[in-house]
């Protein structure tokens, strides 16, 4: 500092034409950042739907393999899943005599308004019959 007290000098000069440039850059990048964030969350939702389809298929196959409650395999599969995936699920049974195979299909919900779903996730499970 020179002889003046209380005067701080900036390390770089601020030009009047650059004032607010960082706010404009942020406003321009914000939609892209939000789009990437929504895509990441949508990918997580799709992965969760696939995982829940596998869980439902295994539980439904366990129930279908038991002679006394085999007809309740869909309820068993839905009970093993979370509420929002169970309401979007369907089950198909293939009885092969000594083993049963159940395929669970879950509709992947969309986070984007106006788009109902992002397809379906299916998983199969096979269990030995009683």
C-alpha atoms as a PDB file:
ATOM      1  CA  UNK A   1       0.000   0.000   0.000  1.00  0.00           C
ATOM      2  CA  UNK A   2       1.174   3.466  -0.676  1.00  0.00           C
ATOM      3  CA  UNK A   3       0.719   6.504   1.541  1.00  0.00           C
ATOM      4  CA  UNK A   4      -3.121   6.328   1.544  1.00  0.00           C
ATOM      5  CA  UNK A   5      -4.728   4.484   4.423  1.00  0.00           C
ATOM      6  CA  UNK A   6      -7.768   2.226   3.989  1.00  0.00           C
ATOM      7  CA  UNK A   7      -7.560   1.970   0.197  1.00  0.00           C
ATOM      8  CA  UNK A   8      -7.321  -1.555  -1.179  1.00  0.00           C
ATOM      9  CA  UNK A   9      -6.285  -2.197  -4.726  1.00  0.00           C
ATOM     10  CA  UNK A  10      -7.824  -4.991  -6.772  1.00  0.00           C
ATOM     11  CA  UNK A  11      -5.571  -7.649  -8.188  1.00  0.00           C
ATOM     12  CA  UNK A  12      -7.290  -7.260 -11.569  1.00  0.00           C
ATOM     13  CA  UNK A  13      -9.224  -4.389 -13.031  1.00  0.00           C
ATOM     14  CA  UNK A  14     -13.002  -4.765 -13.512  1.00  0.00           C
ATOM     15  CA  UNK A  15     -14.263  -3.533 -16.828  1.00  0.00           C
ATOM     16  CA  UNK A  16     -17.784  -2.171 -16.942  1.00  0.00           C
ATOM     17  CA  UNK A  17     -18.584  -4.309 -20.023  1.00  0.00           C
ATOM     18  CA  UNK A  18     -17.921  -7.538 -18.089  1.00  0.00           C
ATOM     19  CA  UNK A  19     -20.155  -6.855 -15.111  1.00  0.00           C
ATOM     20  CA  UNK A  20     -22.732  -9.643 -14.745  1.00  0.00           C
ATOM     21  CA  UNK A  21     -20.980 -11.954 -17.229  1.00  0.00           C
ATOM     22  CA  UNK A  22     -20.750 -14.803 -14.726  1.00  0.00           C
ATOM     23  CA  UNK A  23     -24.477 -14.529 -13.961  1.00  0.00           C
ATOM     24  CA  UNK A  24     -25.261 -14.776 -17.667  1.00  0.00           C
ATOM     25  CA  UNK A  25     -22.952 -17.777 -18.079  1.00  0.00           C
ATOM     26  CA  UNK A  26     -24.644 -19.474 -15.132  1.00  0.00           C
ATOM     27  CA  UNK A  27     -28.106 -18.739 -16.564  1.00  0.00           C
ATOM     28  CA  UNK A  28     -27.011 -20.196 -19.895  1.00  0.00           C
ATOM     29  CA  UNK A  29     -25.609 -23.372 -18.349  1.00  0.00           C
ATOM     30  CA  UNK A  30     -28.459 -23.943 -15.881  1.00  0.00           C
ATOM     31  CA  UNK A  31     -30.788 -25.756 -18.361  1.00  0.00           C
ATOM     32  CA  UNK A  32     -27.973 -28.104 -19.375  1.00  0.00           C
ATOM     33  CA  UNK A  33     -27.091 -28.852 -15.753  1.00  0.00           C
ATOM     34  CA  UNK A  34     -30.757 -29.521 -14.941  1.00  0.00           C
ATOM     35  CA  UNK A  35     -31.109 -31.788 -17.982  1.00  0.00           C
ATOM     36  CA  UNK A  36     -28.075 -33.834 -16.927  1.00  0.00           C
ATOM     37  CA  UNK A  37     -29.432 -34.073 -13.361  1.00  0.00           C
ATOM     38  CA  UNK A  38     -32.868 -35.268 -14.553  1.00  0.00           C
ATOM     39  CA  UNK A  39     -31.208 -37.803 -16.873  1.00  0.00           C
ATOM     40  CA  UNK A  40     -29.119 -39.145 -13.979  1.00  0.00           C
ATOM     41  CA  UNK A  41     -32.165 -39.496 -11.736  1.00  0.00           C
ATOM     42  CA  UNK A  42     -34.147 -41.126 -14.584  1.00  0.00           C
ATOM     43  CA  UNK A  43     -31.340 -43.642 -15.053  1.00  0.00           C
ATOM     44  CA  UNK A  44     -31.483 -44.416 -11.329  1.00  0.00           C
ATOM     45  CA  UNK A  45     -35.252 -44.937 -11.510  1.00  0.00           C
ATOM     46  CA  UNK A  46     -34.802 -47.313 -14.454  1.00  0.00           C
ATOM     47  CA  UNK A  47     -32.169 -49.290 -12.549  1.00  0.00           C
ATOM     48  CA  UNK A  48     -34.423 -49.473  -9.512  1.00  0.00           C
ATOM     49  CA  UNK A  49     -37.310 -50.757 -11.668  1.00  0.00           C
ATOM     50  CA  UNK A  50     -35.065 -53.506 -13.076  1.00  0.00           C
ATOM     51  CA  UNK A  51     -33.961 -54.484  -9.568  1.00  0.00           C
ATOM     52  CA  UNK A  52     -37.571 -54.566  -8.351  1.00  0.00           C
ATOM     53  CA  UNK A  53     -38.587 -56.743 -11.327  1.00  0.00           C
ATOM     54  CA  UNK A  54     -35.940 -59.273 -10.290  1.00  0.00           C
ATOM     55  CA  UNK A  55     -37.084 -59.206  -6.677  1.00  0.00           C
ATOM     56  CA  UNK A  56     -40.716 -59.702  -7.685  1.00  0.00           C
ATOM     57  CA  UNK A  57     -39.854 -62.524 -10.083  1.00  0.00           C
ATOM     58  CA  UNK A  58     -37.896 -64.435  -7.410  1.00  0.00           C
ATOM     59  CA  UNK A  59     -40.636 -64.050  -4.799  1.00  0.00           C
ATOM     60  CA  UNK A  60     -43.368 -65.027  -7.257  1.00  0.00           C
ATOM     61  CA  UNK A  61     -41.381 -68.084  -8.385  1.00  0.00           C
ATOM     62  CA  UNK A  62     -40.932 -69.196  -4.762  1.00  0.00           C
ATOM     63  CA  UNK A  63     -44.690 -68.991  -4.211  1.00  0.00           C
ATOM     64  CA  UNK A  64     -45.526 -70.650  -7.547  1.00  0.00           C
ATOM     65  CA  UNK A  65     -43.221 -73.574  -6.696  1.00  0.00           C
ATOM     66  CA  UNK A  66     -45.325 -74.486  -3.645  1.00  0.00           C
ATOM     67  CA  UNK A  67     -48.310 -76.691  -4.453  1.00  0.00           C
ATOM     68  CA  UNK A  68     -50.664 -75.405  -1.772  1.00  0.00           C
ATOM     69  CA  UNK A  69     -50.355 -71.667  -2.627  1.00  0.00           C
ATOM     70  CA  UNK A  70     -49.191 -71.750  -6.250  1.00  0.00           C
ATOM     71  CA  UNK A  71     -52.179 -69.715  -7.468  1.00  0.00           C
ATOM     72  CA  UNK A  72     -51.144 -66.740  -5.353  1.00  0.00           C
ATOM     73  CA  UNK A  73     -47.790 -66.195  -7.076  1.00  0.00           C
ATOM     74  CA  UNK A  74     -48.735 -62.735  -8.418  1.00  0.00           C
ATOM     75  CA  UNK A  75     -49.670 -61.477  -4.955  1.00  0.00           C
ATOM     76  CA  UNK A  76     -46.444 -62.920  -3.553  1.00  0.00           C
ATOM     77  CA  UNK A  77     -44.401 -61.121  -6.193  1.00  0.00           C
ATOM     78  CA  UNK A  78     -46.164 -57.801  -5.652  1.00  0.00           C
ATOM     79  CA  UNK A  79     -45.775 -58.068  -1.852  1.00  0.00           C
ATOM     80  CA  UNK A  80     -41.992 -58.317  -2.273  1.00  0.00           C
ATOM     81  CA  UNK A  81     -41.840 -55.132  -4.370  1.00  0.00           C
ATOM     82  CA  UNK A  82     -42.154 -51.485  -3.400  1.00  0.00           C
ATOM     83  CA  UNK A  83     -45.598 -49.922  -3.779  1.00  0.00           C
ATOM     84  CA  UNK A  84     -45.050 -47.823  -6.891  1.00  0.00           C
ATOM     85  CA  UNK A  85     -43.354 -50.638  -8.815  1.00  0.00           C
ATOM     86  CA  UNK A  86     -45.857 -53.271  -7.664  1.00  0.00           C
ATOM     87  CA  UNK A  87     -48.721 -51.222  -9.091  1.00  0.00           C
ATOM     88  CA  UNK A  88     -46.902 -51.089 -12.467  1.00  0.00           C
ATOM     89  CA  UNK A  89     -46.026 -54.802 -12.616  1.00  0.00           C
ATOM     90  CA  UNK A  90     -47.331 -57.913 -14.329  1.00  0.00           C
ATOM     91  CA  UNK A  91     -46.326 -61.575 -13.949  1.00  0.00           C
ATOM     92  CA  UNK A  92     -46.282 -64.517 -16.356  1.00  0.00           C
ATOM     93  CA  UNK A  93     -45.968 -68.145 -15.216  1.00  0.00           C
ATOM     94  CA  UNK A  94     -44.379 -70.919 -17.260  1.00  0.00           C
ATOM     95  CA  UNK A  95     -44.853 -74.305 -15.601  1.00  0.00           C
ATOM     96  CA  UNK A  96     -42.314 -76.830 -16.829  1.00  0.00           C
ATOM     97  CA  UNK A  97     -43.272 -79.797 -14.657  1.00  0.00           C
ATOM     98  CA  UNK A  98     -40.277 -80.086 -12.323  1.00  0.00           C
ATOM     99  CA  UNK A  99     -39.617 -76.357 -12.233  1.00  0.00           C
ATOM    100  CA  UNK A 100     -41.584 -73.145 -12.546  1.00  0.00           C
ATOM    101  CA  UNK A 101     -40.438 -69.958 -14.225  1.00  0.00           C
ATOM    102  CA  UNK A 102     -42.001 -66.584 -13.491  1.00  0.00           C
ATOM    103  CA  UNK A 103     -41.301 -63.471 -15.531  1.00  0.00           C
ATOM    104  CA  UNK A 104     -41.999 -60.123 -13.871  1.00  0.00           C
ATOM    105  CA  UNK A 105     -42.414 -57.045 -16.036  1.00  0.00           C
ATOM    106  CA  UNK A 106     -42.359 -53.521 -14.589  1.00  0.00           C
ATOM    107  CA  UNK A 107     -43.201 -50.362 -16.535  1.00  0.00           C
ATOM    108  CA  UNK A 108     -40.427 -47.801 -15.973  1.00  0.00           C
ATOM    109  CA  UNK A 109     -42.019 -44.511 -14.877  1.00  0.00           C
ATOM    110  CA  UNK A 110     -40.928 -41.226 -16.429  1.00  0.00           C
ATOM    111  CA  UNK A 111     -39.842 -38.103 -14.568  1.00  0.00           C
ATOM    112  CA  UNK A 112     -40.461 -35.964 -17.644  1.00  0.00           C
ATOM    113  CA  UNK A 113     -43.967 -34.473 -17.876  1.00  0.00           C
ATOM    114  CA  UNK A 114     -45.889 -35.656 -20.913  1.00  0.00           C
ATOM    115  CA  UNK A 115     -44.006 -38.952 -21.236  1.00  0.00           C
ATOM    116  CA  UNK A 116     -45.834 -41.801 -19.504  1.00  0.00           C
ATOM    117  CA  UNK A 117     -43.070 -44.404 -19.398  1.00  0.00           C
ATOM    118  CA  UNK A 118     -39.583 -45.266 -20.581  1.00  0.00           C
ATOM    119  CA  UNK A 119     -40.396 -48.809 -21.602  1.00  0.00           C
ATOM    120  CA  UNK A 120     -40.525 -52.002 -19.593  1.00  0.00           C
ATOM    121  CA  UNK A 121     -38.059 -53.914 -17.454  1.00  0.00           C
ATOM    122  CA  UNK A 122     -38.389 -57.713 -17.319  1.00  0.00           C
ATOM    123  CA  UNK A 123     -36.656 -60.315 -15.193  1.00  0.00           C
ATOM    124  CA  UNK A 124     -37.255 -64.046 -14.880  1.00  0.00           C
ATOM    125  CA  UNK A 125     -36.661 -66.476 -12.047  1.00  0.00           C
ATOM    126  CA  UNK A 126     -36.815 -70.277 -12.005  1.00  0.00           C
ATOM    127  CA  UNK A 127     -37.452 -72.438  -8.930  1.00  0.00           C
ATOM    128  CA  UNK A 128     -37.795 -76.205  -8.546  1.00  0.00           C
ATOM    129  CA  UNK A 129     -41.406 -77.310  -8.065  1.00  0.00           C
ATOM    130  CA  UNK A 130     -42.498 -79.323  -5.040  1.00  0.00           C
END
